[in-house]
Amino acid sequence: MSTQSGGDPNRRTTKAEKKEQARIERERIQQQMHSRRRNRTIGIVIVATAVAAIVAVVVILQPGGGGSASAQPTADELLAQAPGAATAAGCDAVQDVGYYGGVSGPTDSPDYGDQSHVGPNSNFTTMPPLSTYPSIPPTSGPHNATPLAAGVYDTPPPIDQAIHSLEHGGTILWYSPDAPAAQVQALTDFYGRRVSDAAVGQDRVIVAPYDYPDQGAAGSLPAGKQMALVAWHRLQLCDQVNLAAAFDFTSQYSVPTAADREYVGEAPEPGASM
C-alpha cells in the first residue's frame, strides 16, 4: 500500500497523488531516454569523425604523397600521350651533348675529364664551376666519387653526385623552383611510389629542383625552361613540366629501362649502383 512520507502511514494514497507520481515517473523515464539518445548520437558522431580521420590519413600516406596507386596513369597511357604532350609542353628535341672540356673522346686528350672523380689524386681537386660544363644542366663531366641515390628530392641535391648517377645509367628530371605546383606534384606522385606498388623505373630516376644560386646563371635552368630531362650526354629542355614527356625520356634513357623499352643512351657504366 502506498504512503506519503511525513503523513499518516495508515492513510491511503489518493487518486490525484497516484496520478502525480505516475507523471513524475514518466518524466524521469523520458529524461533517461533522451539522455541515452543524446549519448548515442554523440557516439555516432565521434565514430564517424574517427573513421573520416583514418581514411584521410590512409589517403595522405599513399605512395607518392597524395593519391592512390590506382589513380596514377599507366606506362602505356603516358607513352601514348607522349608525342602530343612533348609538343604541348614546348619540349625541344633531345640534344646529343659533347664531352667535358671540348675533347672528342676518352683517348683524344690527356685532359679528358668527362668521367673524372673530383679529389686530391685527380686533375680536378675541387668541383669546377657549372659554367664550364658543355650544357646546363650538366650531362657529364667531373663529379663526386659517390653517386646520388634515386628518388624525389624536395631541395636541390649535391649536383656533383647527381652527375655520377648519370654515368651509371640514371636519369634526372630537373624542374624550375617556380614551376606550377600541380605539374611538379604529378612528377613526384608518379616517381615517388614504391617499386613494389608500381615499377615505372623510379629506382633509376632522380626528381629534383634545379636551383644553385652560388653558380650564377649556370645554377638555374635556361631562360623560359621549366623542366630539363637529363641522361649521360643527353639533354631535353621543356617550357613546361609534363609527366608524359618526362616518362617518355626516363623509360628509354635509364638503365634498366621501363615499359620494356630499348635503351637508347650511352652511359659508360650502365646499371651500376646509385
Protein backbone atom coordinates (compact mmCIF):
# COMPACT_ATOMS: atom_id res chain seq x y z
CA MET A 1 0.00 0.00 0.00
CA SER A 2 1.40 3.37 -0.97
CA THR A 3 2.02 6.05 1.65
CA GLN A 4 3.25 9.61 1.78
CA SER A 5 6.28 10.47 3.88
CA GLY A 6 5.69 12.80 6.75
CA GLY A 7 1.97 11.91 6.86
CA ASP A 8 -0.22 9.33 8.37
CA PRO A 9 1.26 5.92 7.48
CA ASN A 10 -2.21 4.43 7.57
CA ARG A 11 -3.70 6.91 5.10
CA ARG A 12 -4.42 5.66 1.62
CA THR A 13 -2.79 7.45 -1.35
CA THR A 14 -5.37 9.45 -3.19
CA LYS A 15 -6.12 9.06 -6.86
CA ALA A 16 -4.66 12.53 -7.55
CA GLU A 17 -1.46 11.64 -5.72
CA LYS A 18 -1.10 8.41 -7.70
CA LYS A 19 -1.59 10.36 -10.91
CA GLU A 20 1.10 12.84 -9.90
CA GLN A 21 3.52 10.05 -9.01
CA ALA A 22 2.91 8.43 -12.40
CA ARG A 23 3.57 11.75 -14.15
CA ILE A 24 6.82 12.19 -12.27
CA GLU A 25 7.87 8.64 -13.16
CA ARG A 26 7.03 9.21 -16.86
CA GLU A 27 9.12 12.37 -16.91
CA ARG A 28 12.01 10.52 -15.28
CA ILE A 29 11.85 7.75 -17.88
CA GLN A 30 11.60 10.27 -20.73
CA GLN A 31 14.64 12.12 -19.42
CA GLN A 32 16.58 8.85 -19.28
CA MET A 33 15.57 8.00 -22.85
CA HIS A 34 16.51 11.49 -24.07
CA SER A 35 19.88 11.21 -22.35
CA ARG A 36 20.51 7.81 -23.94
CA ARG A 37 19.59 9.11 -27.42
CA ARG A 38 21.89 12.10 -26.97
CA ASN A 39 24.77 9.90 -25.86
CA ARG A 40 24.14 7.53 -28.76
CA THR A 41 24.18 10.46 -31.21
CA ILE A 42 27.41 11.79 -29.74
CA GLY A 43 28.95 8.32 -30.03
CA ILE A 44 27.95 8.04 -33.69
CA VAL A 45 29.47 11.44 -34.43
CA ILE A 46 32.71 10.50 -32.68
CA VAL A 47 32.97 7.20 -34.55
CA ALA A 48 32.20 8.86 -37.91
CA THR A 49 34.81 11.54 -37.25
CA ALA A 50 37.40 8.92 -36.33
CA VAL A 51 36.66 6.90 -39.47
CA ALA A 52 36.96 10.02 -41.63
CA ALA A 53 40.28 10.87 -40.00
CA ILE A 54 41.61 7.36 -40.61
CA VAL A 55 40.55 7.49 -44.26
CA ALA A 56 42.26 10.86 -44.66
CA VAL A 57 45.49 9.54 -43.15
CA VAL A 58 45.43 6.48 -45.41
CA VAL A 59 44.98 8.68 -48.48
CA ILE A 60 47.77 11.03 -47.42
CA LEU A 61 50.14 8.17 -46.71
CA GLN A 62 49.64 6.50 -50.07
CA PRO A 63 52.96 6.21 -52.01
CA GLY A 64 53.60 9.38 -53.93
CA GLY A 65 52.20 11.62 -51.23
CA GLY A 66 48.63 12.24 -52.23
CA GLY A 67 46.82 9.71 -54.41
CA SER A 68 46.29 6.01 -54.56
CA ALA A 69 48.43 3.94 -56.87
CA SER A 70 45.36 3.15 -58.97
CA ALA A 71 44.84 6.88 -59.62
CA GLN A 72 48.15 7.15 -61.43
CA PRO A 73 48.36 6.83 -65.23
CA THR A 74 49.88 3.64 -66.57
CA ALA A 75 53.13 3.48 -68.52
CA ASP A 76 51.24 2.65 -71.71
CA GLU A 77 48.90 5.59 -71.23
CA LEU A 78 51.79 8.01 -70.75
CA LEU A 79 53.69 6.71 -73.77
CA ALA A 80 50.58 7.08 -75.91
CA GLN A 81 50.26 10.70 -74.75
CA ALA A 82 53.97 11.49 -75.05
CA PRO A 83 54.21 12.89 -78.62
CA GLY A 84 51.37 15.34 -78.13
CA ALA A 85 52.46 16.12 -74.58
CA ALA A 86 56.01 16.99 -75.65
CA THR A 87 54.65 19.41 -78.24
CA ALA A 88 52.20 20.98 -75.81
CA ALA A 89 54.92 21.37 -73.16
CA GLY A 90 57.28 23.03 -75.64
CA CYS A 91 59.96 20.34 -75.40
CA ASP A 92 62.96 20.64 -77.70
CA ALA A 93 64.41 17.62 -79.46
CA VAL A 94 66.82 15.54 -77.37
CA GLN A 95 70.31 17.03 -77.72
CA ASP A 96 73.48 14.96 -78.00
CA VAL A 97 75.85 16.85 -75.68
CA GLY A 98 79.61 16.56 -76.13
CA TYR A 99 82.38 15.69 -73.70
CA TYR A 100 83.57 17.96 -70.91
CA GLY A 101 86.48 20.17 -71.94
CA GLY A 102 85.70 20.07 -75.65
CA VAL A 103 87.53 16.80 -76.33
CA SER A 104 86.07 14.28 -78.76
CA GLY A 105 86.52 11.16 -76.67
CA PRO A 106 88.37 9.36 -73.86
CA THR A 107 91.57 8.95 -75.90
CA ASP A 108 91.53 12.37 -77.53
CA SER A 109 93.47 14.26 -74.89
CA PRO A 110 95.33 13.71 -71.61
CA ASP A 111 93.00 16.38 -70.25
CA TYR A 112 89.96 14.14 -70.67
CA GLY A 113 87.76 14.79 -67.64
CA ASP A 114 84.35 13.55 -68.59
CA GLN A 115 84.45 10.71 -66.07
CA SER A 116 86.92 12.21 -63.59
CA HIS A 117 86.26 11.95 -59.88
CA VAL A 118 86.92 15.17 -58.03
CA GLY A 119 89.61 14.72 -55.39
CA PRO A 120 93.26 15.09 -54.43
CA ASN A 121 94.50 12.44 -56.89
CA SER A 122 92.60 13.88 -59.85
CA ASN A 123 93.11 16.66 -62.38
CA PHE A 124 90.16 18.23 -60.54
CA THR A 125 90.88 18.72 -56.87
CA THR A 126 87.60 20.59 -56.45
CA MET A 127 84.34 20.65 -58.36
CA PRO A 128 84.69 23.04 -61.33
CA PRO A 129 82.05 25.76 -61.85
CA LEU A 130 78.89 24.62 -63.60
CA SER A 131 79.52 27.25 -66.25
CA THR A 132 82.47 25.17 -67.53
CA TYR A 133 80.25 22.19 -68.40
CA PRO A 134 79.09 21.72 -72.01
CA SER A 135 75.41 22.09 -71.07
CA ILE A 136 73.19 23.45 -68.37
CA PRO A 137 72.28 21.31 -66.56
CA PRO A 138 75.40 19.13 -66.94
CA THR A 139 75.12 15.76 -68.65
CA SER A 140 78.64 14.55 -67.87
CA GLY A 141 81.96 15.84 -66.56
CA PRO A 142 83.97 15.87 -63.31
CA HIS A 143 81.91 14.61 -60.41
CA ASN A 144 81.86 13.24 -56.90
CA ALA A 145 83.10 9.67 -56.40
CA THR A 146 79.77 8.76 -54.76
CA PRO A 147 76.64 8.67 -56.93
CA LEU A 148 73.35 10.15 -55.76
CA ALA A 149 70.58 7.72 -54.84
CA ALA A 150 67.45 7.68 -56.99
CA GLY A 151 64.40 9.35 -55.54
CA VAL A 152 62.34 12.50 -55.20
CA TYR A 153 64.20 15.44 -53.63
CA ASP A 154 62.39 18.48 -52.24
CA THR A 155 65.56 20.59 -52.23
CA PRO A 156 68.45 20.72 -54.73
CA PRO A 157 70.69 17.69 -54.09
CA PRO A 158 74.52 17.68 -54.45
CA ILE A 159 74.91 18.09 -58.18
CA ASP A 160 78.41 16.58 -58.20
CA GLN A 161 76.86 13.31 -57.00
CA ALA A 162 73.93 13.59 -59.42
CA ILE A 163 76.34 13.70 -62.39
CA HIS A 164 77.90 10.45 -61.21
CA SER A 165 74.45 8.83 -61.24
CA LEU A 166 74.17 9.74 -64.93
CA GLU A 167 77.39 7.85 -65.57
CA HIS A 168 75.73 4.77 -64.06
CA GLY A 169 72.73 4.96 -66.36
CA GLY A 170 70.44 7.04 -64.17
CA THR A 171 68.30 9.90 -65.42
CA ILE A 172 67.41 13.21 -63.81
CA LEU A 173 64.23 15.24 -64.05
CA TRP A 174 65.21 18.77 -63.08
CA TYR A 175 62.40 21.29 -62.62
CA SER A 176 62.42 25.02 -62.00
CA PRO A 177 61.52 26.09 -58.44
CA ASP A 178 58.85 28.41 -59.88
CA ALA A 179 57.17 25.69 -61.95
CA PRO A 180 53.43 25.23 -61.23
CA ALA A 181 53.00 23.11 -58.11
CA ALA A 182 50.37 20.84 -59.69
CA GLN A 183 52.68 19.92 -62.57
CA VAL A 184 55.55 19.18 -60.19
CA GLN A 185 53.22 17.16 -57.97
CA ALA A 186 52.34 14.94 -60.92
CA LEU A 187 56.03 14.07 -61.27
CA THR A 188 56.66 13.48 -57.59
CA ASP A 189 53.50 11.40 -57.14
CA PHE A 190 54.35 9.19 -60.12
CA TYR A 191 58.05 8.66 -59.42
CA GLY A 192 57.72 8.75 -55.63
CA ARG A 193 55.83 5.45 -55.40
CA ARG A 194 57.42 2.30 -54.07
CA VAL A 195 58.63 -0.10 -56.75
CA SER A 196 56.50 -2.81 -55.14
CA ASP A 197 53.40 -0.70 -55.82
CA ALA A 198 54.21 0.15 -59.43
CA ALA A 199 57.51 -0.43 -61.21
CA VAL A 200 57.99 2.54 -63.54
CA GLY A 201 61.79 2.75 -63.40
CA GLN A 202 61.73 5.10 -60.41
CA ASP A 203 64.71 3.33 -58.84
CA ARG A 204 66.87 4.82 -61.63
CA VAL A 205 65.36 8.32 -61.67
CA ILE A 206 66.15 11.46 -59.69
CA VAL A 207 63.46 14.17 -59.47
CA ALA A 208 64.64 17.47 -58.00
CA PRO A 209 64.53 21.28 -58.29
CA TYR A 210 67.44 22.84 -60.19
CA ASP A 211 68.49 25.83 -58.10
CA TYR A 212 72.17 26.57 -57.35
CA PRO A 213 72.35 30.35 -56.88
CA ASP A 214 76.05 30.32 -55.98
CA GLN A 215 76.73 29.18 -59.57
CA GLY A 216 75.31 32.32 -61.21
CA ALA A 217 73.35 31.87 -64.43
CA ALA A 218 74.54 28.25 -64.71
CA GLY A 219 72.75 27.47 -61.45
CA SER A 220 69.30 27.95 -63.00
CA LEU A 221 67.58 26.32 -65.93
CA PRO A 222 67.89 28.20 -69.24
CA ALA A 223 65.51 31.14 -69.60
CA GLY A 224 61.95 30.11 -70.36
CA LYS A 225 62.53 26.45 -69.46
CA GLN A 226 60.82 24.78 -66.52
CA MET A 227 61.97 21.21 -67.00
CA ALA A 228 65.23 19.57 -68.06
CA LEU A 229 65.43 15.84 -68.82
CA VAL A 230 68.99 14.60 -68.43
CA ALA A 231 70.91 11.41 -69.17
CA TRP A 232 74.62 10.89 -69.84
CA HIS A 233 75.40 13.15 -72.86
CA ARG A 234 71.67 13.67 -73.47
CA LEU A 235 69.52 16.71 -72.68
CA GLN A 236 65.94 17.65 -73.47
CA LEU A 237 64.59 21.05 -72.37
CA CYS A 238 60.88 21.85 -71.98
CA ASP A 239 58.98 25.09 -71.46
CA GLN A 240 56.65 23.33 -69.03
CA VAL A 241 56.79 20.41 -66.64
CA ASN A 242 54.97 17.43 -68.14
CA LEU A 243 54.76 13.89 -66.79
CA ALA A 244 54.15 12.13 -70.12
CA ALA A 245 57.16 13.83 -71.74
CA ALA A 246 59.28 13.03 -68.69
CA PHE A 247 58.35 9.34 -68.67
CA ASP A 248 58.98 9.04 -72.39
CA PHE A 249 62.55 10.18 -71.67
CA THR A 250 63.31 8.23 -68.47
CA SER A 251 61.76 5.00 -69.74
CA GLN A 252 64.32 4.73 -72.54
CA TYR A 253 67.39 6.55 -71.18
CA SER A 254 67.53 4.88 -67.75
CA VAL A 255 69.26 1.54 -67.28
CA PRO A 256 67.39 -0.73 -66.82
CA THR A 257 64.67 0.80 -68.97
CA ALA A 258 60.96 0.83 -68.12
CA ALA A 259 57.93 -0.47 -70.03
CA ASP A 260 60.17 -2.95 -71.92
CA ARG A 261 61.69 -0.16 -74.00
CA GLU A 262 65.00 -0.34 -75.81
CA TYR A 263 67.91 1.54 -74.20
CA VAL A 264 69.00 4.41 -76.43
CA GLY A 265 71.60 6.09 -74.22
CA GLU A 266 75.39 5.78 -73.88
CA ALA A 267 76.17 5.71 -70.15
CA PRO A 268 79.72 4.38 -69.60
CA GLU A 269 78.68 2.21 -66.64
CA PRO A 270 75.05 1.31 -67.32
CA GLY A 271 73.22 -0.34 -64.47
CA ALA A 272 75.85 0.38 -61.81
CA SER A 273 74.57 1.21 -58.35
CA MET A 274 73.17 4.61 -57.49
